[in-house]
N, C-alpha and C. Protein backbone atom coordinates (compact mmCIF):
# COMPACT_ATOMS: atom_id res chain seq x y z
N UNK A 1 40.98 -85.77 15.53
CA UNK A 1 40.88 -84.23 15.24
C UNK A 1 40.54 -83.76 13.51
N UNK A 2 41.18 -84.68 12.90
CA UNK A 2 41.18 -84.22 11.25
C UNK A 2 39.11 -84.61 11.10
N UNK A 3 38.56 -85.20 11.77
CA UNK A 3 37.74 -85.42 11.38
C UNK A 3 36.60 -84.31 11.97
N UNK A 4 36.79 -83.52 12.95
CA UNK A 4 36.56 -82.34 13.94
C UNK A 4 36.75 -80.93 13.03
N UNK A 5 38.33 -81.18 12.95
CA UNK A 5 38.31 -79.75 11.82
C UNK A 5 37.32 -79.99 10.55
N UNK A 6 37.22 -81.86 9.84
CA UNK A 6 36.62 -81.46 8.47
C UNK A 6 34.88 -81.20 8.65
N UNK A 7 34.32 -81.39 9.78
CA UNK A 7 33.68 -81.26 10.18
C UNK A 7 32.48 -79.81 10.30
N UNK A 8 33.66 -78.38 11.15
CA UNK A 8 33.74 -78.26 11.25
C UNK A 8 33.74 -77.16 9.62
N UNK A 9 35.03 -77.48 8.96
CA UNK A 9 34.60 -76.83 7.39
C UNK A 9 33.69 -76.93 6.95
N UNK A 10 32.97 -78.38 7.08
CA UNK A 10 31.71 -78.67 6.33
C UNK A 10 31.23 -77.50 6.59
N UNK A 11 30.57 -77.67 8.07
CA UNK A 11 29.61 -76.13 8.63
C UNK A 11 29.45 -75.08 8.19
N UNK A 12 30.97 -74.92 7.96
CA UNK A 12 31.39 -73.06 7.82
C UNK A 12 30.55 -72.92 5.98
N UNK A 13 31.51 -74.18 5.53
CA UNK A 13 30.73 -74.04 4.12
C UNK A 13 29.10 -73.78 4.33
N UNK A 14 28.40 -75.14 4.70
CA UNK A 14 26.84 -75.13 4.73
C UNK A 14 25.99 -73.74 4.99
N UNK A 15 26.63 -73.56 6.38
CA UNK A 15 26.21 -71.64 6.91
C UNK A 15 26.31 -70.82 5.86
N UNK A 16 27.75 -71.15 5.09
CA UNK A 16 27.73 -69.82 4.19
C UNK A 16 27.26 -69.52 2.88
N UNK A 17 26.57 -70.98 2.43
CA UNK A 17 25.82 -71.26 1.29
C UNK A 17 24.84 -71.12 1.80
N UNK A 18 23.73 -71.32 2.87
CA UNK A 18 22.34 -70.66 3.34
C UNK A 18 22.27 -69.02 3.71
N UNK A 19 23.51 -68.42 3.51
CA UNK A 19 23.59 -67.42 3.76
C UNK A 19 23.38 -66.21 2.63
N UNK A 20 24.11 -67.28 1.36
CA UNK A 20 24.16 -66.55 0.25
C UNK A 20 22.62 -66.43 -0.62
N UNK A 21 22.35 -68.02 -0.32
CA UNK A 21 21.36 -68.29 -0.76
C UNK A 21 20.12 -67.71 -0.28
N UNK A 22 19.59 -67.24 1.32
CA UNK A 22 18.97 -66.50 1.55
C UNK A 22 18.64 -64.85 1.65
N UNK A 23 19.64 -64.26 1.69
CA UNK A 23 19.75 -63.20 1.69
C UNK A 23 19.55 -62.41 0.53
N UNK A 24 19.24 -62.93 -0.89
CA UNK A 24 18.39 -61.80 -1.98
C UNK A 24 16.85 -61.78 -1.62
N UNK A 25 16.07 -62.87 -1.00
CA UNK A 25 15.18 -63.03 -0.25
C UNK A 25 14.59 -62.27 0.39
N UNK A 26 15.56 -62.37 1.90
CA UNK A 26 15.60 -61.17 2.41
C UNK A 26 15.73 -59.88 2.10
N UNK A 27 16.31 -59.29 1.25
CA UNK A 27 16.21 -57.85 0.84
C UNK A 27 15.26 -57.81 -0.04
N UNK A 28 14.24 -58.61 -0.72
CA UNK A 28 13.35 -58.17 -1.55
C UNK A 28 12.41 -57.92 -0.61
N UNK A 29 12.30 -58.99 0.40
CA UNK A 29 11.35 -58.79 1.18
C UNK A 29 11.20 -57.32 1.99
N UNK A 30 12.31 -56.68 2.67
CA UNK A 30 12.22 -55.52 3.55
C UNK A 30 11.91 -54.56 2.39
N UNK A 31 12.33 -54.76 0.94
CA UNK A 31 11.87 -53.84 -0.30
C UNK A 31 10.25 -53.72 -0.58
N UNK A 32 9.84 -55.16 -0.56
CA UNK A 32 8.39 -54.74 -1.06
C UNK A 32 8.03 -54.64 0.58
N UNK A 33 8.30 -54.40 1.72
CA UNK A 33 7.49 -54.05 2.80
C UNK A 33 7.33 -52.56 2.80
N UNK A 34 8.78 -52.50 2.53
CA UNK A 34 8.90 -50.59 2.37
C UNK A 34 7.64 -50.05 1.06
N UNK A 35 7.89 -50.65 0.31
CA UNK A 35 7.01 -50.08 -1.15
C UNK A 35 5.29 -50.50 -0.42
N UNK A 36 4.98 -51.70 0.38
CA UNK A 36 3.79 -51.36 0.77
C UNK A 36 3.45 -50.52 1.85
N UNK A 37 4.36 -49.89 2.90
CA UNK A 37 3.99 -48.92 3.48
C UNK A 37 3.48 -47.74 2.74
N UNK A 38 4.65 -47.50 1.34
CA UNK A 38 3.96 -46.31 0.94
C UNK A 38 2.72 -46.40 0.53
N UNK A 39 2.50 -47.86 -0.07
CA UNK A 39 1.41 -48.05 -1.23
C UNK A 39 0.30 -47.36 -0.40
N UNK A 40 0.23 -48.55 0.88
CA UNK A 40 -0.85 -47.63 1.66
C UNK A 40 -1.02 -46.28 2.07
N UNK A 41 0.16 -46.15 2.72
CA UNK A 41 0.04 -44.11 3.12
C UNK A 41 -0.64 -43.53 1.80
N UNK A 42 0.14 -44.06 0.58
CA UNK A 42 -0.64 -42.93 -0.89
C UNK A 42 -2.27 -43.28 -0.18
N UNK A 43 -2.46 -44.32 -0.88
CA UNK A 43 -3.73 -44.92 -0.61
C UNK A 43 -4.68 -44.07 0.48
N UNK A 44 -4.52 -44.19 1.64
CA UNK A 44 -4.65 -43.81 2.83
C UNK A 44 -4.81 -42.58 2.94
N UNK A 45 -4.19 -41.57 2.10
CA UNK A 45 -3.88 -40.06 2.53
C UNK A 45 -5.09 -39.41 1.10
N UNK A 46 -5.30 -40.19 0.47
CA UNK A 46 -6.81 -39.73 -0.47
C UNK A 46 -8.02 -39.54 0.26
N UNK A 47 -8.28 -40.18 1.33
CA UNK A 47 -9.54 -40.33 1.74
C UNK A 47 -9.95 -39.20 1.78
N UNK A 48 -11.64 -39.28 1.71
CA UNK A 48 -12.70 -37.85 1.69
C UNK A 48 -12.52 -36.94 0.16
N UNK A 49 -11.10 -38.08 -1.00
CA UNK A 49 -12.18 -37.37 -2.44
C UNK A 49 -13.25 -38.17 -2.95
N UNK A 50 -14.05 -37.20 -3.36
CA UNK A 50 -15.21 -37.37 -4.37
C UNK A 50 -15.39 -38.70 -5.01
N UNK A 51 -16.37 -39.48 -5.09
CA UNK A 51 -16.52 -40.39 -6.05
C UNK A 51 -16.74 -39.57 -7.40
N UNK A 52 -16.00 -40.20 -8.66
CA UNK A 52 -16.74 -39.54 -10.31
C UNK A 52 -16.47 -41.20 -10.90
N UNK A 53 -17.71 -41.12 -11.14
CA UNK A 53 -17.67 -42.24 -12.66
C UNK A 53 -16.66 -41.74 -13.33
N UNK A 54 -15.75 -42.90 -13.60
CA UNK A 54 -14.61 -43.03 -14.73
C UNK A 54 -13.57 -41.51 -14.21
N UNK A 55 -13.63 -41.57 -13.69
CA UNK A 55 -12.45 -40.65 -12.42
C UNK A 55 -11.52 -41.62 -12.15
N UNK A 56 -10.25 -40.87 -12.23
CA UNK A 56 -8.94 -41.11 -12.27
C UNK A 56 -8.03 -40.16 -11.89
N UNK A 57 -8.37 -39.01 -11.05
CA UNK A 57 -7.58 -37.75 -11.03
C UNK A 57 -8.12 -37.65 -9.23
N UNK A 58 -7.48 -36.82 -8.87
CA UNK A 58 -7.83 -36.31 -7.08
C UNK A 58 -8.97 -35.77 -6.85
N UNK A 59 -9.51 -35.09 -7.85
CA UNK A 59 -10.94 -34.22 -9.25
C UNK A 59 -12.63 -35.24 -8.87
N UNK A 60 -11.88 -36.57 -8.41
CA UNK A 60 -12.68 -37.49 -8.15
C UNK A 60 -12.02 -38.90 -8.93
N UNK A 61 -12.81 -40.25 -8.28
CA UNK A 61 -12.27 -41.57 -8.68
C UNK A 61 -13.29 -42.43 -8.20
N UNK A 62 -13.37 -43.50 -9.99
CA UNK A 62 -14.03 -44.14 -9.20
C UNK A 62 -13.06 -45.65 -8.62
N UNK A 63 -13.74 -46.53 -8.72
CA UNK A 63 -12.87 -47.87 -8.15
C UNK A 63 -11.57 -48.35 -8.23
N UNK A 64 -11.72 -48.23 -9.92
CA UNK A 64 -10.40 -48.53 -10.93
C UNK A 64 -9.72 -47.49 -10.95
N UNK A 65 -10.05 -46.18 -10.90
CA UNK A 65 -9.52 -45.14 -11.39
C UNK A 65 -8.46 -45.21 -9.86
N UNK A 66 -8.95 -44.89 -9.34
CA UNK A 66 -8.17 -44.90 -7.59
C UNK A 66 -7.14 -45.86 -7.59
N UNK A 67 -7.53 -46.99 -7.50
CA UNK A 67 -6.09 -48.33 -7.42
C UNK A 67 -5.57 -47.93 -8.74
N UNK A 68 -5.51 -47.15 -9.28
CA UNK A 68 -4.58 -47.61 -10.91
C UNK A 68 -3.81 -45.88 -10.68
N UNK A 69 -4.78 -45.32 -10.11
CA UNK A 69 -3.62 -44.01 -9.61
C UNK A 69 -2.74 -44.34 -8.61
N UNK A 70 -3.57 -45.08 -7.09
CA UNK A 70 -2.33 -45.07 -6.35
C UNK A 70 -0.65 -45.94 -6.42
N UNK A 71 -1.14 -47.12 -7.39
CA UNK A 71 -0.20 -47.75 -7.74
C UNK A 71 0.17 -47.00 -8.56
N UNK A 72 0.02 -46.79 -9.94
CA UNK A 72 1.35 -45.42 -10.59
C UNK A 72 2.11 -44.70 -9.99
N UNK A 73 1.59 -44.06 -8.54
CA UNK A 73 2.76 -43.30 -7.53
C UNK A 73 3.42 -43.99 -7.05
N UNK A 74 3.42 -45.54 -7.55
CA UNK A 74 4.46 -46.35 -7.14
C UNK A 74 4.92 -47.23 -8.02
N UNK A 75 5.01 -46.72 -9.29
CA UNK A 75 5.97 -47.03 -10.78
C UNK A 75 5.35 -48.33 -11.09
N UNK A 76 3.88 -48.50 -10.83
CA UNK A 76 2.83 -49.99 -11.43
C UNK A 76 1.78 -49.79 -11.94
N UNK A 77 2.14 -49.48 -13.29
CA UNK A 77 0.89 -49.87 -13.80
C UNK A 77 0.21 -51.22 -14.42
N UNK A 78 -1.28 -50.53 -13.77
CA UNK A 78 -2.57 -51.89 -13.65
C UNK A 78 -3.68 -51.47 -15.01
N UNK A 79 -4.00 -52.75 -15.39
CA UNK A 79 -5.64 -52.22 -15.86
C UNK A 79 -6.04 -51.16 -15.40
N UNK A 80 -7.07 -50.27 -16.66
CA UNK A 80 -7.96 -49.61 -16.08
C UNK A 80 -8.90 -49.97 -15.27
N UNK A 81 -9.45 -50.90 -15.88
CA UNK A 81 -11.13 -51.98 -14.96
C UNK A 81 -10.67 -52.36 -14.25
N UNK A 82 -11.74 -52.91 -13.72
CA UNK A 82 -11.71 -54.02 -11.91
C UNK A 82 -11.98 -55.63 -12.69
N UNK A 83 -12.29 -55.86 -13.69
CA UNK A 83 -11.77 -57.10 -14.58
C UNK A 83 -10.39 -57.21 -15.12
N UNK A 84 -10.06 -56.05 -15.98
CA UNK A 84 -9.08 -56.75 -16.48
C UNK A 84 -8.02 -56.34 -15.21
N UNK A 85 -7.56 -55.58 -13.89
CA UNK A 85 -6.83 -55.59 -12.56
C UNK A 85 -7.52 -57.60 -11.72
N UNK A 86 -8.50 -57.74 -12.35
CA UNK A 86 -8.60 -59.27 -11.82
C UNK A 86 -7.86 -60.46 -12.12
N UNK A 87 -7.94 -59.79 -13.53
CA UNK A 87 -6.88 -61.15 -13.81
C UNK A 87 -5.42 -60.57 -14.48
N UNK A 88 -4.95 -59.74 -13.28
CA UNK A 88 -3.71 -59.81 -12.92
C UNK A 88 -3.09 -59.96 -12.14
N UNK A 89 -2.08 -60.23 -11.55
CA UNK A 89 -1.51 -60.43 -10.06
C UNK A 89 -1.47 -62.14 -10.01
N UNK A 90 -1.26 -62.42 -9.23
CA UNK A 90 -1.57 -63.77 -8.37
C UNK A 90 -2.78 -63.92 -6.92
N UNK A 91 -3.41 -64.85 -7.91
CA UNK A 91 -4.44 -65.26 -6.25
C UNK A 91 -4.10 -65.49 -5.27
N UNK A 92 -4.80 -64.71 -3.77
CA UNK A 92 -4.37 -65.11 -2.86
C UNK A 92 -5.96 -65.08 -1.96
N UNK A 93 -5.47 -66.48 -1.25
CA UNK A 93 -6.73 -66.57 -0.18
C UNK A 93 -7.04 -65.46 0.64
N UNK A 94 -8.24 -65.35 1.16
CA UNK A 94 -8.98 -64.54 2.05
C UNK A 94 -7.75 -64.19 3.49
N UNK A 95 -7.60 -65.90 4.05
CA UNK A 95 -6.95 -65.73 5.11
C UNK A 95 -5.24 -65.32 4.70
N UNK A 96 -5.07 -65.50 4.14
CA UNK A 96 -3.40 -64.73 3.53
C UNK A 96 -3.07 -63.36 2.93
N UNK A 97 -4.53 -62.63 3.09
CA UNK A 97 -4.18 -61.18 2.70
C UNK A 97 -2.89 -60.41 3.50
N UNK A 98 -2.49 -59.59 2.57
CA UNK A 98 -1.55 -58.84 2.75
C UNK A 98 -1.58 -57.14 2.78
N UNK A 99 -1.15 -56.17 3.37
CA UNK A 99 -1.71 -54.79 2.97
C UNK A 99 -1.04 -54.69 1.16
N UNK A 100 -1.73 -53.92 0.76
CA UNK A 100 -1.30 -53.70 -0.47
C UNK A 100 -2.13 -54.97 -1.18
N UNK A 101 -2.64 -55.95 -1.31
CA UNK A 101 -3.47 -56.99 -2.20
C UNK A 101 -4.30 -56.12 -2.37
N UNK A 102 -5.02 -56.34 -3.85
CA UNK A 102 -6.33 -55.77 -4.24
C UNK A 102 -7.44 -56.70 -4.06
N UNK A 103 -9.04 -56.76 -3.49
CA UNK A 103 -9.68 -57.40 -3.01
C UNK A 103 -10.72 -56.17 -4.06
N UNK A 104 -11.79 -57.76 -3.90
CA UNK A 104 -12.94 -57.75 -5.57
C UNK A 104 -14.30 -58.18 -4.92
N UNK A 105 -15.11 -57.39 -5.77
CA UNK A 105 -16.32 -57.55 -5.12
C UNK A 105 -17.28 -57.70 -6.33
N UNK A 106 -18.51 -58.47 -6.20
CA UNK A 106 -19.80 -58.69 -6.81
C UNK A 106 -20.66 -57.53 -6.58
N UNK A 107 -20.94 -56.38 -6.65
CA UNK A 107 -22.06 -55.61 -6.18
C UNK A 107 -22.88 -55.49 -6.95
N UNK A 108 -22.80 -56.11 -8.36
CA UNK A 108 -23.96 -56.06 -9.57
C UNK A 108 -24.54 -57.03 -9.83
N UNK A 109 -24.43 -58.28 -9.24
CA UNK A 109 -24.32 -59.57 -9.54
C UNK A 109 -24.10 -60.43 -10.99
N UNK A 110 -23.21 -58.74 -11.75
CA UNK A 110 -22.72 -59.75 -12.70
C UNK A 110 -21.06 -59.81 -12.75
N UNK A 111 -20.51 -60.71 -11.79
CA UNK A 111 -19.45 -60.88 -11.83
C UNK A 111 -18.95 -59.29 -11.11
N UNK A 112 -17.21 -59.31 -11.59
CA UNK A 112 -16.30 -58.59 -10.91
C UNK A 112 -16.78 -56.56 -10.87
N UNK A 113 -16.97 -56.56 -9.77
CA UNK A 113 -17.61 -54.82 -10.48
C UNK A 113 -17.02 -53.73 -9.66
N UNK A 114 -16.80 -54.36 -8.37
CA UNK A 114 -15.55 -53.46 -7.37
C UNK A 114 -14.58 -53.90 -6.67
N UNK A 115 -13.67 -52.54 -6.47
CA UNK A 115 -11.86 -53.27 -6.48
C UNK A 115 -11.69 -51.89 -5.15
N UNK A 116 -10.85 -52.86 -4.25
CA UNK A 116 -10.30 -51.42 -3.48
C UNK A 116 -8.91 -52.84 -3.39
N UNK A 117 -8.38 -51.50 -2.11
CA UNK A 117 -6.73 -51.96 -1.36
C UNK A 117 -7.07 -52.64 -0.03
N UNK A 118 -6.42 -53.88 0.29
CA UNK A 118 -6.65 -54.31 1.65
C UNK A 118 -5.17 -53.49 2.48
N UNK A 119 -5.58 -53.04 3.45
CA UNK A 119 -4.67 -51.87 4.34
C UNK A 119 -4.25 -53.03 5.31
N UNK A 120 -4.91 -53.84 5.89
CA UNK A 120 -4.94 -54.67 6.91
C UNK A 120 -5.56 -54.85 7.59
N UNK A 121 -5.98 -55.61 8.88
CA UNK A 121 -6.56 -55.65 10.04
C UNK A 121 -8.41 -55.47 9.59
N UNK A 122 -8.21 -56.23 8.43
CA UNK A 122 -10.08 -56.57 7.81
C UNK A 122 -10.48 -55.43 7.19
N UNK A 123 -9.26 -54.46 6.98
CA UNK A 123 -9.76 -53.36 6.26
C UNK A 123 -9.45 -53.01 5.08
N UNK A 124 -10.07 -52.44 4.00
CA UNK A 124 -9.65 -52.33 2.74
C UNK A 124 -10.20 -50.75 2.26
N UNK A 125 -9.34 -49.91 1.20
CA UNK A 125 -9.18 -48.55 0.99
C UNK A 125 -10.29 -48.75 -0.09
N UNK A 126 -11.14 -47.64 -0.86
CA UNK A 126 -11.73 -47.97 -1.81
C UNK A 126 -12.57 -46.69 -2.25
N UNK A 127 -12.71 -46.38 -3.65
CA UNK A 127 -13.42 -45.40 -4.30
C UNK A 127 -14.90 -45.89 -3.89
N UNK A 128 -16.29 -45.56 -3.31
CA UNK A 128 -17.16 -46.07 -3.26
C UNK A 128 -18.09 -44.71 -3.78
N UNK A 129 -19.59 -45.46 -4.42
CA UNK A 129 -20.25 -44.44 -5.08
C UNK A 129 -20.46 -43.69 -3.69
N UNK A 130 -21.07 -44.15 -2.70
CA UNK A 130 -21.67 -43.63 -1.16
C UNK A 130 -20.85 -42.33 -0.75
N UNK A 131 -19.74 -43.05 -0.72
CA UNK A 131 -18.36 -42.27 0.16
C UNK A 131 -17.57 -41.56 -0.11
N UNK A 132 -17.14 -42.12 -1.40
CA UNK A 132 -15.85 -41.37 -1.86
C UNK A 132 -14.86 -42.31 -1.40
N UNK A 133 -13.77 -41.90 -1.18
CA UNK A 133 -12.45 -42.88 -0.97
C UNK A 133 -12.59 -43.13 0.44
N UNK A 134 -12.78 -44.15 0.88
CA UNK A 134 -12.98 -44.20 2.70
C UNK A 134 -12.44 -45.67 2.49
N UNK A 135 -11.96 -45.79 4.02
CA UNK A 135 -12.15 -47.22 4.37
C UNK A 135 -13.04 -47.99 5.48
N UNK A 136 -12.82 -49.25 5.01
CA UNK A 136 -14.50 -50.02 5.19
C UNK A 136 -13.76 -51.61 5.61
N UNK A 137 -14.64 -52.04 6.59
CA UNK A 137 -13.91 -53.30 6.71
C UNK A 137 -14.78 -54.30 5.94
N UNK A 138 -13.76 -55.37 5.47
CA UNK A 138 -14.01 -56.71 4.26
C UNK A 138 -14.76 -57.45 4.65
N UNK A 139 -14.89 -57.57 5.83
CA UNK A 139 -15.90 -58.12 6.56
C UNK A 139 -17.49 -58.38 7.10
N UNK A 140 -17.71 -56.85 6.17
CA UNK A 140 -18.67 -56.05 6.63
C UNK A 140 -20.06 -57.04 6.61
N UNK A 141 -21.07 -57.01 7.65
CA UNK A 141 -22.02 -58.36 7.07
C UNK A 141 -23.35 -58.04 6.33
N UNK A 142 -23.40 -56.62 6.44
CA UNK A 142 -24.58 -56.10 5.71
C UNK A 142 -24.23 -55.82 4.23
N UNK A 143 -22.78 -55.42 4.00
CA UNK A 143 -22.83 -55.29 2.06
C UNK A 143 -21.54 -56.32 2.32
N UNK A 144 -20.17 -55.86 2.22
CA UNK A 144 -18.72 -55.51 1.48
C UNK A 144 -18.63 -57.30 2.14
N UNK A 145 -19.21 -57.86 2.94
CA UNK A 145 -18.82 -59.21 3.42
C UNK A 145 -19.44 -60.38 2.28
N UNK A 146 -20.93 -59.87 1.98
CA UNK A 146 -21.41 -60.35 1.61
C UNK A 146 -21.18 -60.32 -0.20
N UNK A 147 -20.22 -59.77 -0.51
CA UNK A 147 -20.27 -59.72 -2.20
C UNK A 147 -18.29 -59.94 -2.75
N UNK A 148 -17.99 -59.75 -1.14
CA UNK A 148 -16.21 -60.79 -1.39
C UNK A 148 -16.53 -61.17 -2.62
N UNK A 149 -15.19 -61.62 -3.77
CA UNK A 149 -15.21 -62.81 -4.41
C UNK A 149 -13.95 -63.04 -4.30
N UNK A 150 -13.22 -62.79 -3.98
CA UNK A 150 -11.19 -62.87 -4.18
C UNK A 150 -10.27 -61.39 -3.74
N UNK A 151 -9.22 -61.92 -4.10
CA UNK A 151 -8.04 -61.24 -4.23
C UNK A 151 -6.97 -61.48 -4.88
N UNK A 152 -5.82 -60.87 -5.66
CA UNK A 152 -4.49 -60.62 -5.74
C UNK A 152 -3.60 -60.05 -5.25
N UNK A 153 -2.42 -60.61 -5.53
CA UNK A 153 -0.95 -60.04 -5.34
C UNK A 153 -0.82 -59.07 -6.35
N UNK A 154 -0.34 -57.96 -6.44
CA UNK A 154 0.14 -57.48 -7.50
C UNK A 154 1.73 -56.96 -7.19
N UNK A 155 2.29 -56.56 -6.58
CA UNK A 155 3.79 -56.39 -6.24
C UNK A 155 4.21 -57.40 -6.43
N UNK A 156 5.46 -57.53 -7.35
CA UNK A 156 6.09 -58.40 -7.89
C UNK A 156 5.61 -59.19 -8.98
N UNK A 157 4.56 -59.15 -9.22
CA UNK A 157 4.10 -59.98 -9.98
C UNK A 157 4.59 -59.83 -11.70
N UNK A 158 4.63 -61.01 -12.57
CA UNK A 158 5.05 -60.54 -13.56
C UNK A 158 4.37 -60.09 -15.10
N UNK A 159 2.84 -60.04 -13.80
CA UNK A 159 2.14 -59.69 -14.84
C UNK A 159 1.89 -57.80 -14.99
N UNK A 160 2.28 -57.38 -13.94
CA UNK A 160 2.44 -55.45 -13.67
C UNK A 160 3.48 -55.07 -14.77
N UNK A 161 3.14 -53.84 -15.35
CA UNK A 161 4.17 -53.71 -15.85
C UNK A 161 4.61 -52.34 -14.80
N UNK A 162 6.13 -52.28 -15.35
CA UNK A 162 6.74 -50.96 -14.28
C UNK A 162 6.58 -50.43 -15.12
N UNK A 163 6.34 -48.66 -14.78
CA UNK A 163 6.29 -47.38 -15.35
C UNK A 163 7.86 -47.13 -15.97
N UNK A 164 7.72 -46.35 -16.41
CA UNK A 164 9.04 -45.88 -17.41
C UNK A 164 9.24 -44.35 -16.79
């Protein structure tokens, strides 16, 4: 009987320890998921806004100005350029992409020159010179698929400055 009572007590202590350990991570995941949904909603709500070289407002965006605008709306400050953005965050394998990750492309033959925000289902939202803010397939065999060079996860990264 004593052995059974000791085993039950040990089990309860172990279970409570597990719950106390896991609870902070569950709340972080829920908060991150909520923020990601809002971020994607903000990004896709801007579809149709025209492209403007150097643009950082709803009067017109370039690709990095668009991303910076969307993230700032969610209290995250990013560098202004695609190369600066590419230098932040944590590298993500293409197979592990999640909504809200930044995706990068080489459109000029000289390294990182274009970026967008992954929205899920193999698609990303970005500001392109031809269509303005739009959603395209990441693996488009005619253009984007050939120029994809990597992705970075920004939310939760210590490289990102939170807006004051």
